[in-house]
Amino acid sequence: MRGTERSGHRQLGNPARAALTGPHARFAERVGTALRYHPDVCPMAALPDDPTPGDWADAARLVGPGGSLFIPVVADAPPAEWQTTMRRPGVQMIDAGVSAEPDAEAVPLAAGDVPEMIDLVRRTRPGPFRPRTIEMGTYLGIRRGGRLVAMGGERLALPGYTEISAVCTDPAHRGEGLASRLVLALAHGIRQRGATPILHADATNVNAIRLYEQLGFEIRAEVLFQVMLAPS
């Protein structure tokens, strides 16, 4: 599935950097031009557009010898002495008419819910979730019999945009439309703040992409998710 990158959304080309130098600056760790989230918050990092050897040197100092650098969305090629351990194609999607609406059953999650959230993530694997990820934005959950069975939340926050992420459902409750309801409720909250909802998906997860398209998202660009190890 291929998408043509839409114009007018320049910050979305390097969203982690736009977040770490903007609304999420409070979470940033920095060495020179290299930035990353505090490891307890999110594994993502960011370099300037078209990074120079000096930018990569700053990144090496930031993560330390053999340290991991997770660069989302951009497709920068690291210097030869770096080792690439993950290179996964994805798509970036943007609100193109989502029928956003609140959901009375989707309740805000708080710090006390984190153990349950981590357990649900462990069983469903929607992507990285750390002990302080909940601090990045609003997280909503749906419970059955008091047990958390579905959740979703906000990850990258950059000027004008907020990413929906960590949408997952307990296997025993799949097919009930819970994920769709959470996405629509999150999109409603994001729009209420005057921002545009975005999200990212694995390019091979055609079912998820199809669902997001049905909800009113469209593919803005093909992207790349990379994990690289600094020289040791």
Protein backbone atom coordinates (compact mmCIF):
# COMPACT_ATOMS: atom_id res chain seq x y z
CA MET A 1 0.00 0.00 0.00
CA ARG A 2 1.49 3.28 -1.04
CA GLY A 3 0.53 6.81 -0.07
CA THR A 4 1.48 10.16 -1.50
CA GLU A 5 2.83 12.53 1.12
CA ARG A 6 0.52 15.47 1.63
CA SER A 7 1.93 18.98 1.76
CA GLY A 8 1.32 21.47 4.54
CA HIS A 9 2.32 19.15 7.38
CA ARG A 10 6.06 19.79 7.57
CA GLN A 11 6.45 18.94 11.26
CA LEU A 12 5.08 15.47 10.69
CA GLY A 13 8.24 14.60 8.77
CA ASN A 14 10.19 14.52 12.05
CA PRO A 15 7.47 14.34 14.71
CA ALA A 16 9.59 13.13 17.63
CA ARG A 17 11.88 16.15 17.26
CA ALA A 18 8.92 18.51 16.97
CA ALA A 19 7.50 17.00 20.16
CA LEU A 20 10.75 17.03 22.14
CA THR A 21 11.48 20.64 21.20
CA GLY A 22 7.83 21.63 21.74
CA PRO A 23 5.02 20.33 23.96
CA HIS A 24 7.09 17.42 25.30
CA ALA A 25 10.28 19.36 26.02
CA ARG A 26 9.88 18.53 29.72
CA PHE A 27 10.60 14.87 28.94
CA ALA A 28 13.70 15.55 26.81
CA GLU A 29 17.24 14.41 27.47
CA ARG A 30 19.72 16.22 25.22
CA VAL A 31 23.33 16.08 24.14
CA GLY A 32 24.12 18.74 21.54
CA THR A 33 21.61 18.32 18.74
CA ALA A 34 20.52 14.80 19.74
CA LEU A 35 17.33 14.36 21.76
CA ARG A 36 15.50 11.49 23.36
CA TYR A 37 12.65 10.94 25.77
CA HIS A 38 13.52 9.91 29.31
CA PRO A 39 13.74 6.10 29.04
CA ASP A 40 10.93 5.62 31.59
CA VAL A 41 8.61 7.68 29.36
CA CYS A 42 9.25 6.52 25.78
CA PRO A 43 12.11 4.88 23.83
CA MET A 44 11.97 7.39 20.96
CA ALA A 45 14.81 9.72 20.00
CA ALA A 46 15.32 12.39 17.37
CA LEU A 47 18.04 14.04 15.32
CA PRO A 48 17.86 17.14 13.12
CA ASP A 49 16.66 16.76 9.54
CA ASP A 50 19.50 15.42 7.34
CA PRO A 51 21.82 14.74 10.31
CA THR A 52 25.52 15.46 9.98
CA PRO A 53 28.40 13.38 11.36
CA GLY A 54 28.41 15.79 14.30
CA ASP A 55 24.73 15.06 14.98
CA TRP A 56 25.46 11.32 15.01
CA ALA A 57 28.38 11.92 17.37
CA ASP A 58 26.01 13.74 19.72
CA ALA A 59 23.61 10.78 19.50
CA ALA A 60 26.41 8.38 20.42
CA ARG A 61 27.19 10.45 23.50
CA LEU A 62 23.49 10.63 24.37
CA VAL A 63 22.91 6.86 24.43
CA GLY A 64 26.42 5.77 25.41
CA PRO A 65 28.60 3.00 23.90
CA GLY A 66 26.39 0.25 22.49
CA GLY A 67 23.28 2.20 23.48
CA SER A 68 20.03 1.94 21.56
CA LEU A 69 18.65 4.78 19.43
CA PHE A 70 15.04 4.43 18.28
CA ILE A 71 14.35 6.88 15.45
CA PRO A 72 10.70 6.96 14.31
CA VAL A 73 9.29 8.06 10.93
CA VAL A 74 12.47 9.43 9.31
CA ALA A 75 14.73 7.26 7.15
CA ASP A 76 18.16 8.59 8.07
CA ALA A 77 21.07 6.26 7.26
CA PRO A 78 23.47 5.98 10.22
CA PRO A 79 27.27 6.01 9.87
CA ALA A 80 28.89 2.65 9.11
CA GLU A 81 30.02 2.12 12.71
CA TRP A 82 26.40 2.07 13.92
CA GLN A 83 24.53 -1.25 13.87
CA THR A 84 20.92 -1.29 12.66
CA THR A 85 18.88 -3.85 14.62
CA MET A 86 15.41 -2.94 13.39
CA ARG A 87 14.21 -1.37 10.16
CA ARG A 88 10.44 -1.58 9.91
CA PRO A 89 8.30 0.13 7.25
CA GLY A 90 5.16 1.88 8.40
CA VAL A 91 2.57 4.43 7.41
CA GLN A 92 1.70 7.77 8.94
CA MET A 93 -2.03 8.51 8.91
CA ILE A 94 -3.90 11.74 9.52
CA ASP A 95 -7.47 12.75 10.32
CA ALA A 96 -9.32 13.21 7.03
CA GLY A 97 -12.86 13.29 8.36
CA VAL A 98 -12.91 11.04 11.42
CA SER A 99 -16.36 10.76 13.00
CA ALA A 100 -14.91 11.63 16.39
CA GLU A 101 -17.22 11.34 19.37
CA PRO A 102 -16.96 10.88 23.14
CA ASP A 103 -17.70 7.50 24.68
CA ALA A 104 -19.25 7.25 28.13
CA GLU A 105 -17.65 3.85 28.76
CA ALA A 106 -14.13 5.04 27.86
CA VAL A 107 -12.82 6.37 31.17
CA PRO A 108 -9.55 8.23 31.82
CA LEU A 109 -6.72 6.08 33.15
CA ALA A 110 -4.33 7.29 35.83
CA ALA A 111 -1.00 6.34 37.41
CA GLY A 112 -2.68 3.74 39.59
CA ASP A 113 -3.82 1.90 36.46
CA VAL A 114 -0.31 1.54 35.02
CA PRO A 115 0.31 -2.06 36.25
CA GLU A 116 -2.90 -3.19 34.51
CA MET A 117 -1.99 -1.18 31.41
CA ILE A 118 1.46 -2.75 31.22
CA ASP A 119 -0.07 -6.21 31.61
CA LEU A 120 -2.51 -5.53 28.75
CA VAL A 121 0.32 -4.23 26.56
CA ARG A 122 2.41 -7.31 27.37
CA ARG A 123 -0.41 -9.57 26.19
CA THR A 124 -1.38 -7.60 23.08
CA ARG A 125 1.89 -5.95 21.94
CA PRO A 126 0.60 -2.66 20.45
CA GLY A 127 4.03 -1.05 20.74
CA PRO A 128 6.34 0.36 23.41
CA PHE A 129 4.79 1.30 26.73
CA ARG A 130 6.91 2.35 29.69
CA PRO A 131 6.09 3.08 33.37
CA ARG A 132 5.73 6.83 32.66
CA THR A 133 4.24 6.66 29.14
CA ILE A 134 0.89 7.64 30.65
CA GLU A 135 2.35 11.11 31.34
CA MET A 136 2.57 11.83 27.60
CA GLY A 137 -1.14 12.52 27.25
CA THR A 138 -4.66 11.26 27.86
CA TYR A 139 -5.20 7.50 28.14
CA LEU A 140 -8.66 5.97 28.04
CA GLY A 141 -9.73 2.48 29.03
CA ILE A 142 -12.78 0.25 28.89
CA ARG A 143 -13.43 -2.23 31.67
CA ARG A 144 -15.51 -5.37 31.91
CA GLY A 145 -16.27 -6.65 35.40
CA GLY A 146 -13.76 -4.16 36.76
CA ARG A 147 -10.96 -5.55 34.56
CA LEU A 148 -9.20 -3.42 31.95
CA VAL A 149 -9.93 -5.05 28.59
CA ALA A 150 -9.13 -2.26 26.11
CA MET A 151 -7.17 0.97 26.09
CA GLY A 152 -5.64 3.63 23.90
CA GLY A 153 -3.92 6.93 24.42
CA GLU A 154 -1.89 9.87 23.23
CA ARG A 155 1.84 9.57 22.58
CA LEU A 156 3.69 12.17 20.50
CA ALA A 157 2.38 15.70 21.03
CA LEU A 158 3.70 18.35 18.66
CA PRO A 159 2.39 21.78 17.73
CA GLY A 160 -0.97 21.26 16.05
CA TYR A 161 -0.96 17.45 16.16
CA THR A 162 -1.35 14.61 18.66
CA GLU A 163 -0.60 10.95 17.96
CA ILE A 164 -3.02 8.21 18.97
CA SER A 165 -1.13 5.13 20.12
CA ALA A 166 -1.15 1.99 22.30
CA VAL A 167 -4.63 1.01 21.08
CA CYS A 168 -5.14 -2.58 22.18
CA THR A 169 -7.85 -5.03 23.20
CA ASP A 170 -7.76 -8.16 25.32
CA PRO A 171 -7.98 -11.16 22.94
CA ALA A 172 -11.15 -12.34 24.68
CA HIS A 173 -12.91 -9.08 23.75
CA ARG A 174 -11.78 -8.59 20.18
CA GLY A 175 -14.51 -8.16 17.60
CA GLU A 176 -16.60 -5.99 19.93
CA GLY A 177 -15.51 -2.70 18.35
CA LEU A 178 -13.74 -1.47 21.47
CA ALA A 179 -10.61 -0.28 19.66
CA SER A 180 -12.67 1.76 17.19
CA ARG A 181 -14.62 3.38 20.01
CA LEU A 182 -11.43 4.33 21.83
CA VAL A 183 -9.87 5.84 18.70
CA LEU A 184 -12.98 7.94 18.07
CA ALA A 185 -13.09 9.09 21.70
CA LEU A 186 -9.40 10.01 21.68
CA ALA A 187 -9.80 11.85 18.38
CA HIS A 188 -12.68 13.81 19.89
CA GLY A 189 -10.54 14.94 22.82
CA ILE A 190 -7.66 15.91 20.54
CA ARG A 191 -9.94 17.95 18.30
CA GLN A 192 -11.48 19.65 21.33
CA ARG A 193 -8.00 21.01 22.09
CA GLY A 194 -7.68 22.34 18.55
CA ALA A 195 -5.17 19.70 17.37
CA THR A 196 -5.29 17.19 14.52
CA PRO A 197 -5.22 13.46 15.35
CA ILE A 198 -2.50 11.38 13.69
CA LEU A 199 -1.34 7.80 14.11
CA HIS A 200 1.25 5.36 12.84
CA ALA A 201 0.84 1.74 11.83
CA ASP A 202 3.04 -1.12 10.72
CA ALA A 203 2.86 -1.20 6.92
CA THR A 204 2.25 -4.97 7.03
CA ASN A 205 -0.73 -4.66 9.38
CA VAL A 206 -3.25 -4.22 6.59
CA ASN A 207 -6.22 -4.98 8.86
CA ALA A 208 -5.35 -2.13 11.22
CA ILE A 209 -4.74 0.25 8.32
CA ARG A 210 -8.07 -0.70 6.76
CA LEU A 211 -9.83 -0.10 10.09
CA TYR A 212 -8.25 3.35 10.48
CA GLU A 213 -9.26 4.23 6.93
CA GLN A 214 -12.82 3.19 7.68
CA LEU A 215 -12.76 5.48 10.73
CA GLY A 216 -11.75 8.43 8.58
CA PHE A 217 -7.95 8.48 8.61
CA GLU A 218 -5.92 8.54 5.42
CA ILE A 219 -2.31 7.65 4.69
CA ARG A 220 -0.19 10.79 4.59
CA ALA A 221 3.18 9.17 4.02
CA GLU A 222 5.14 5.95 4.08
CA VAL A 223 7.60 6.05 6.95
CA LEU A 224 10.33 3.99 8.59
CA PHE A 225 10.97 2.93 12.17
CA GLN A 226 14.60 2.17 12.98
CA VAL A 227 16.56 1.01 16.00
CA MET A 228 20.32 1.48 15.86
CA LEU A 229 23.11 0.68 18.30
CA ALA A 230 25.83 3.24 18.90
CA PRO A 231 29.47 2.23 18.39
CA SER A 232 30.81 0.33 21.38
